[in-house]
Amino acid sequence: MPRLNLRQRFRSLQERVRATGPLGLVYVSAVIALAIALSSLLGAHGLSRLRLLRADCARQSAANDALREQNFSLLRTIQSLGDPVDRVALERAAREQLGFIKQDEIVFKFE
């Protein structure tokens, strides 16, 4: 049997659809819609992409929570250094964050 070119295949398909009547057109439309749905679900921008985006969203939420906690900690430090100045809090912040020491202290670094 000789191979049919694309135009002949299309005409043959048209004739088969016409022979089945309107119900054939519904079946063909359903198959095409199913093929498009499967293509969109299983394609590069389908379910696998959605899964990756959800994982990225969860990672970003965790990072945001960590930054919120850091901001809250910094806010507490600012409030403790507020007006009037709490000298103990100021000294603690200078020692912890800036590494300051008193004049009569000696620093030993262990690594």
Protein backbone atom coordinates (compact mmCIF):
# COMPACT_ATOMS: atom_id res chain seq x y z
CA MET A 1 0.00 0.00 0.00
CA PRO A 2 1.54 3.33 -1.04
CA ARG A 3 2.15 5.94 1.63
CA LEU A 4 -0.33 8.79 1.68
CA ASN A 5 0.89 12.32 1.89
CA LEU A 6 -0.33 14.64 4.63
CA ARG A 7 -3.12 16.17 2.58
CA GLN A 8 -4.49 12.74 1.66
CA ARG A 9 -4.34 11.60 5.28
CA PHE A 10 -6.25 14.68 6.38
CA ARG A 11 -8.94 14.12 3.73
CA SER A 12 -9.22 10.48 4.74
CA LEU A 13 -9.68 11.52 8.37
CA GLN A 14 -12.27 14.09 7.33
CA GLU A 15 -14.23 11.47 5.42
CA ARG A 16 -14.21 9.08 8.40
CA VAL A 17 -15.42 11.85 10.73
CA ARG A 18 -18.19 12.83 8.30
CA ALA A 19 -19.21 9.19 7.96
CA THR A 20 -19.76 8.89 11.71
CA GLY A 21 -21.86 12.05 11.81
CA PRO A 22 -21.94 14.64 14.59
CA LEU A 23 -21.05 12.07 17.21
CA GLY A 24 -17.73 11.41 15.45
CA LEU A 25 -16.89 15.10 15.67
CA VAL A 26 -17.57 14.99 19.41
CA TYR A 27 -15.25 11.98 19.79
CA VAL A 28 -12.48 13.63 17.78
CA SER A 29 -12.86 16.84 19.79
CA ALA A 30 -12.70 14.88 23.05
CA VAL A 31 -9.53 13.10 21.95
CA ILE A 32 -7.91 16.37 20.92
CA ALA A 33 -8.91 18.03 24.22
CA LEU A 34 -7.51 15.06 26.17
CA ALA A 35 -4.26 15.19 24.21
CA ILE A 36 -3.90 18.94 24.91
CA ALA A 37 -4.64 18.43 28.63
CA LEU A 38 -2.09 15.63 28.94
CA SER A 39 0.48 17.66 27.05
CA SER A 40 0.06 20.62 29.35
CA LEU A 41 0.21 18.46 32.51
CA LEU A 42 3.20 16.39 31.50
CA GLY A 43 5.11 19.07 29.57
CA ALA A 44 8.01 21.22 30.72
CA HIS A 45 5.68 23.73 32.40
CA GLY A 46 3.34 21.14 33.89
CA LEU A 47 3.21 19.31 37.19
CA SER A 48 6.97 18.97 37.60
CA ARG A 49 7.38 22.75 37.28
CA LEU A 50 4.57 23.26 39.80
CA ARG A 51 6.32 20.92 42.26
CA LEU A 52 9.60 22.85 41.86
CA LEU A 53 7.84 26.18 42.37
CA ARG A 54 6.11 24.95 45.53
CA ALA A 55 9.45 23.73 46.96
CA ASP A 56 11.04 27.09 46.14
CA CYS A 57 8.13 28.89 47.80
CA ALA A 58 8.59 26.80 50.96
CA ARG A 59 12.34 27.58 50.97
CA GLN A 60 11.66 31.28 50.60
CA SER A 61 9.08 31.19 53.40
CA ALA A 62 11.65 29.60 55.73
CA ALA A 63 14.21 32.25 54.78
CA ASN A 64 11.62 34.99 55.40
CA ASP A 65 10.82 33.55 58.84
CA ALA A 66 14.52 33.53 59.74
CA LEU A 67 14.86 37.16 58.62
CA ARG A 68 11.75 38.14 60.62
CA GLU A 69 13.31 36.59 63.73
CA GLN A 70 16.57 38.45 63.08
CA ASN A 71 14.65 41.72 62.61
CA PHE A 72 12.79 41.11 65.87
CA SER A 73 16.08 40.49 67.67
CA LEU A 74 17.56 43.69 66.24
CA LEU A 75 14.43 45.61 67.24
CA ARG A 76 14.80 44.37 70.82
CA THR A 77 18.45 45.50 70.78
CA ILE A 78 17.45 48.93 69.48
CA GLN A 79 14.73 49.27 72.11
CA SER A 80 17.13 48.27 74.90
CA LEU A 81 19.59 50.91 73.68
CA GLY A 82 16.82 53.51 73.45
CA ASP A 83 16.38 56.75 75.33
CA PRO A 84 17.52 56.88 78.13
CA VAL A 85 20.59 54.86 77.21
CA ASP A 86 20.99 51.65 79.15
CA ARG A 87 24.74 51.44 79.69
CA VAL A 88 24.74 47.70 80.38
CA ALA A 89 22.82 46.95 77.18
CA LEU A 90 25.07 49.30 75.20
CA GLU A 91 28.21 47.58 76.53
CA ARG A 92 26.78 44.11 75.80
CA ALA A 93 25.90 45.11 72.23
CA ALA A 94 29.35 46.63 71.66
CA ARG A 95 31.04 43.48 72.96
CA GLU A 96 28.85 40.96 71.08
CA GLN A 97 28.38 42.71 67.76
CA LEU A 98 31.52 44.80 67.37
CA GLY A 99 34.00 42.77 69.42
CA PHE A 100 34.92 45.66 71.71
CA ILE A 101 36.86 45.05 74.91
CA LYS A 102 37.70 47.17 77.94
CA GLN A 103 41.15 48.74 78.25
CA ASP A 104 42.24 46.46 81.07
CA GLU A 105 41.03 43.22 79.41
CA ILE A 106 43.14 40.72 77.45
CA VAL A 107 41.63 38.73 74.59
CA PHE A 108 42.56 35.11 73.96
CA LYS A 109 41.44 33.62 70.64
CA PHE A 110 41.20 29.86 70.36
CA GLU A 111 40.79 28.25 66.97
